[in-house]
Amino acid sequence: MSQDKLENQLIDKTIQQRNDLLEAAKQKAAKSLSNAEAEKLRIEELNNKAIENVIGSELRAVHDRIVGGAQLQGRKVLMEARAEVIENVFVRTAEEIESIVNSPEYNGYLIKLV
């Protein structure tokens, strides 16, 4: 019986060691999982910041393109308006000169000028 008792003690000791190893493995796995989750969160945060930077720079580029295009269009419209006003001034001036030249008083003006 003492041999049975030794065998039982050996089996109990082996089971206890196995349980201790399993418990240590579970703790190590839980710690690894916790570290992995923390690393995942850190990487996600870095990725989000990188994405925000890329999107922000793209948005700035699009904004600059839109604003630049609008400013260019505004300058073009302004230049066209100025050209139209100048053309109207020349047309009116030519009409005024033509009306003066064709008027009967034109000869009187020329004589006074001379």
C-alpha atoms as a PDB file:
ATOM      1  CA  MET A   1       0.000   0.000   0.000  1.00  0.00           C
ATOM      2  CA  SER A   2       2.785   2.323   0.583  1.00  0.00           C
ATOM      3  CA  GLN A   3       3.585   2.035  -3.093  1.00  0.00           C
ATOM      4  CA  ASP A   4      -0.017   2.949  -3.931  1.00  0.00           C
ATOM      5  CA  LYS A   5       0.232   5.809  -1.536  1.00  0.00           C
ATOM      6  CA  LEU A   6       3.458   7.009  -3.186  1.00  0.00           C
ATOM      7  CA  GLU A   7       1.869   6.660  -6.590  1.00  0.00           C
ATOM      8  CA  ASN A   8      -1.142   8.652  -5.427  1.00  0.00           C
ATOM      9  CA  GLN A   9       1.112  11.331  -3.981  1.00  0.00           C
ATOM     10  CA  LEU A  10       3.104  11.413  -7.213  1.00  0.00           C
ATOM     11  CA  ILE A  11      -0.098  11.688  -9.223  1.00  0.00           C
ATOM     12  CA  ASP A  12      -1.384  14.422  -6.897  1.00  0.00           C
ATOM     13  CA  LYS A  13       1.936  16.263  -7.164  1.00  0.00           C
ATOM     14  CA  THR A  14       1.901  15.944 -10.972  1.00  0.00           C
ATOM     15  CA  ILE A  15      -1.678  17.205 -11.115  1.00  0.00           C
ATOM     16  CA  GLN A  16      -0.762  20.114  -8.844  1.00  0.00           C
ATOM     17  CA  GLN A  17       2.252  20.989 -11.026  1.00  0.00           C
ATOM     18  CA  ARG A  18       0.070  20.763 -14.121  1.00  0.00           C
ATOM     19  CA  ASN A  19      -2.513  23.057 -12.498  1.00  0.00           C
ATOM     20  CA  ASP A  20       0.229  25.487 -11.465  1.00  0.00           C
ATOM     21  CA  LEU A  21       1.629  25.474 -15.013  1.00  0.00           C
ATOM     22  CA  LEU A  22      -1.857  26.017 -16.451  1.00  0.00           C
ATOM     23  CA  GLU A  23      -2.474  28.897 -14.060  1.00  0.00           C
ATOM     24  CA  ALA A  24       0.886  30.483 -14.912  1.00  0.00           C
ATOM     25  CA  ALA A  25       0.141  30.024 -18.634  1.00  0.00           C
ATOM     26  CA  LYS A  26      -3.297  31.639 -18.202  1.00  0.00           C
ATOM     27  CA  GLN A  27      -1.761  34.599 -16.368  1.00  0.00           C
ATOM     28  CA  LYS A  28       0.934  34.956 -19.020  1.00  0.00           C
ATOM     29  CA  ALA A  29      -1.709  34.717 -21.784  1.00  0.00           C
ATOM     30  CA  ALA A  30      -3.867  37.345 -20.046  1.00  0.00           C
ATOM     31  CA  LYS A  31      -0.853  39.655 -19.706  1.00  0.00           C
ATOM     32  CA  SER A  32       0.080  39.097 -23.366  1.00  0.00           C
ATOM     33  CA  LEU A  33      -3.505  39.780 -24.413  1.00  0.00           C
ATOM     34  CA  SER A  34      -3.565  42.963 -22.335  1.00  0.00           C
ATOM     35  CA  ASN A  35      -0.264  44.113 -23.871  1.00  0.00           C
ATOM     36  CA  ALA A  36      -1.511  43.246 -27.355  1.00  0.00           C
ATOM     37  CA  GLU A  37      -4.703  45.249 -26.822  1.00  0.00           C
ATOM     38  CA  ALA A  38      -2.724  48.238 -25.549  1.00  0.00           C
ATOM     39  CA  GLU A  39      -0.402  48.003 -28.563  1.00  0.00           C
ATOM     40  CA  LYS A  40      -3.418  47.707 -30.871  1.00  0.00           C
ATOM     41  CA  LEU A  41      -4.897  50.881 -29.398  1.00  0.00           C
ATOM     42  CA  ARG A  42      -1.570  52.693 -29.757  1.00  0.00           C
ATOM     43  CA  ILE A  43      -1.228  51.605 -33.391  1.00  0.00           C
ATOM     44  CA  GLU A  44      -4.839  52.567 -34.145  1.00  0.00           C
ATOM     45  CA  GLU A  45      -4.237  55.997 -32.632  1.00  0.00           C
ATOM     46  CA  LEU A  46      -1.092  56.463 -34.726  1.00  0.00           C
ATOM     47  CA  ASN A  47      -2.946  55.331 -37.838  1.00  0.00           C
ATOM     48  CA  ASN A  48      -5.811  57.698 -37.114  1.00  0.00           C
ATOM     49  CA  LYS A  49      -3.394  60.597 -36.658  1.00  0.00           C
ATOM     50  CA  ALA A  50      -1.625  59.695 -39.907  1.00  0.00           C
ATOM     51  CA  ILE A  51      -4.954  59.478 -41.721  1.00  0.00           C
ATOM     52  CA  GLU A  52      -6.048  62.818 -40.269  1.00  0.00           C
ATOM     53  CA  ASN A  53      -2.773  64.389 -41.414  1.00  0.00           C
ATOM     54  CA  VAL A  54      -3.176  63.004 -44.934  1.00  0.00           C
ATOM     55  CA  ILE A  55      -6.829  63.997 -45.114  1.00  0.00           C
ATOM     56  CA  GLY A  56      -6.044  67.405 -43.629  1.00  0.00           C
ATOM     57  CA  SER A  57      -3.351  68.084 -46.205  1.00  0.00           C
ATOM     58  CA  GLU A  58      -5.638  66.868 -49.001  1.00  0.00           C
ATOM     59  CA  LEU A  59      -8.428  69.104 -47.726  1.00  0.00           C
ATOM     60  CA  ARG A  60      -6.066  72.061 -47.557  1.00  0.00           C
ATOM     61  CA  ALA A  61      -4.951  71.352 -51.118  1.00  0.00           C
ATOM     62  CA  VAL A  62      -8.538  71.124 -52.342  1.00  0.00           C
ATOM     63  CA  HIS A  63      -9.449  74.273 -50.405  1.00  0.00           C
ATOM     64  CA  ASP A  64      -6.468  76.132 -51.853  1.00  0.00           C
ATOM     65  CA  ARG A  65      -7.371  74.937 -55.358  1.00  0.00           C
ATOM     66  CA  ILE A  66     -10.984  76.046 -54.979  1.00  0.00           C
ATOM     67  CA  VAL A  67     -10.101  79.397 -53.427  1.00  0.00           C
ATOM     68  CA  GLY A  68      -7.360  79.982 -56.001  1.00  0.00           C
ATOM     69  CA  GLY A  69      -9.743  79.148 -58.834  1.00  0.00           C
ATOM     70  CA  ALA A  70     -12.381  81.464 -57.421  1.00  0.00           C
ATOM     71  CA  GLN A  71      -9.853  84.280 -57.031  1.00  0.00           C
ATOM     72  CA  LEU A  72      -8.637  83.734 -60.589  1.00  0.00           C
ATOM     73  CA  GLN A  73     -12.213  83.751 -61.873  1.00  0.00           C
ATOM     74  CA  GLY A  74     -12.898  86.937 -59.906  1.00  0.00           C
ATOM     75  CA  ARG A  75      -9.860  88.667 -61.393  1.00  0.00           C
ATOM     76  CA  LYS A  76     -10.931  87.539 -64.869  1.00  0.00           C
ATOM     77  CA  VAL A  77     -14.447  88.940 -64.389  1.00  0.00           C
ATOM     78  CA  LEU A  78     -12.983  92.195 -63.066  1.00  0.00           C
ATOM     79  CA  MET A  79     -10.636  92.514 -66.039  1.00  0.00           C
ATOM     80  CA  GLU A  80     -13.497  91.829 -68.454  1.00  0.00           C
ATOM     81  CA  ALA A  81     -15.626  94.482 -66.730  1.00  0.00           C
ATOM     82  CA  ARG A  82     -12.780  96.996 -66.922  1.00  0.00           C
ATOM     83  CA  ALA A  83     -12.247  96.201 -70.601  1.00  0.00           C
ATOM     84  CA  GLU A  84     -15.970  96.675 -71.239  1.00  0.00           C
ATOM     85  CA  VAL A  85     -15.998 100.037 -69.414  1.00  0.00           C
ATOM     86  CA  ILE A  86     -12.929 101.198 -71.333  1.00  0.00           C
ATOM     87  CA  GLU A  87     -14.508 100.074 -74.618  1.00  0.00           C
ATOM     88  CA  ASN A  88     -17.689 102.009 -73.756  1.00  0.00           C
ATOM     89  CA  VAL A  89     -15.596 105.108 -73.009  1.00  0.00           C
ATOM     90  CA  PHE A  90     -13.889 104.842 -76.403  1.00  0.00           C
ATOM     91  CA  VAL A  91     -17.201 104.289 -78.187  1.00  0.00           C
ATOM     92  CA  ARG A  92     -18.851 107.266 -76.482  1.00  0.00           C
ATOM     93  CA  THR A  93     -15.799 109.437 -77.126  1.00  0.00           C
ATOM     94  CA  ALA A  94     -15.808 108.461 -80.808  1.00  0.00           C
ATOM     95  CA  GLU A  95     -19.539 109.211 -80.996  1.00  0.00           C
ATOM     96  CA  GLU A  96     -19.041 112.592 -79.319  1.00  0.00           C
ATOM     97  CA  ILE A  97     -16.185 113.487 -81.661  1.00  0.00           C
ATOM     98  CA  GLU A  98     -18.246 112.380 -84.659  1.00  0.00           C
ATOM     99  CA  SER A  99     -21.234 114.420 -83.506  1.00  0.00           C
ATOM    100  CA  ILE A 100     -19.003 117.485 -83.022  1.00  0.00           C
ATOM    101  CA  VAL A 101     -17.367 117.027 -86.444  1.00  0.00           C
ATOM    102  CA  ASN A 102     -20.754 116.622 -88.140  1.00  0.00           C
ATOM    103  CA  SER A 103     -22.320 119.598 -86.333  1.00  0.00           C
ATOM    104  CA  PRO A 104     -22.640 122.963 -88.068  1.00  0.00           C
ATOM    105  CA  GLU A 105     -20.724 124.648 -85.245  1.00  0.00           C
ATOM    106  CA  TYR A 106     -17.602 122.603 -86.036  1.00  0.00           C
ATOM    107  CA  ASN A 107     -16.233 125.171 -88.426  1.00  0.00           C
ATOM    108  CA  GLY A 108     -16.746 127.841 -85.775  1.00  0.00           C
ATOM    109  CA  TYR A 109     -14.798 125.723 -83.274  1.00  0.00           C
ATOM    110  CA  LEU A 110     -11.953 125.290 -85.725  1.00  0.00           C
ATOM    111  CA  ILE A 111     -11.803 129.023 -86.419  1.00  0.00           C
ATOM    112  CA  LYS A 112     -11.739 129.776 -82.692  1.00  0.00           C
ATOM    113  CA  LEU A 113      -9.015 127.221 -82.139  1.00  0.00           C
ATOM    114  CA  VAL A 114      -6.870 128.637 -84.867  1.00  0.00           C
END
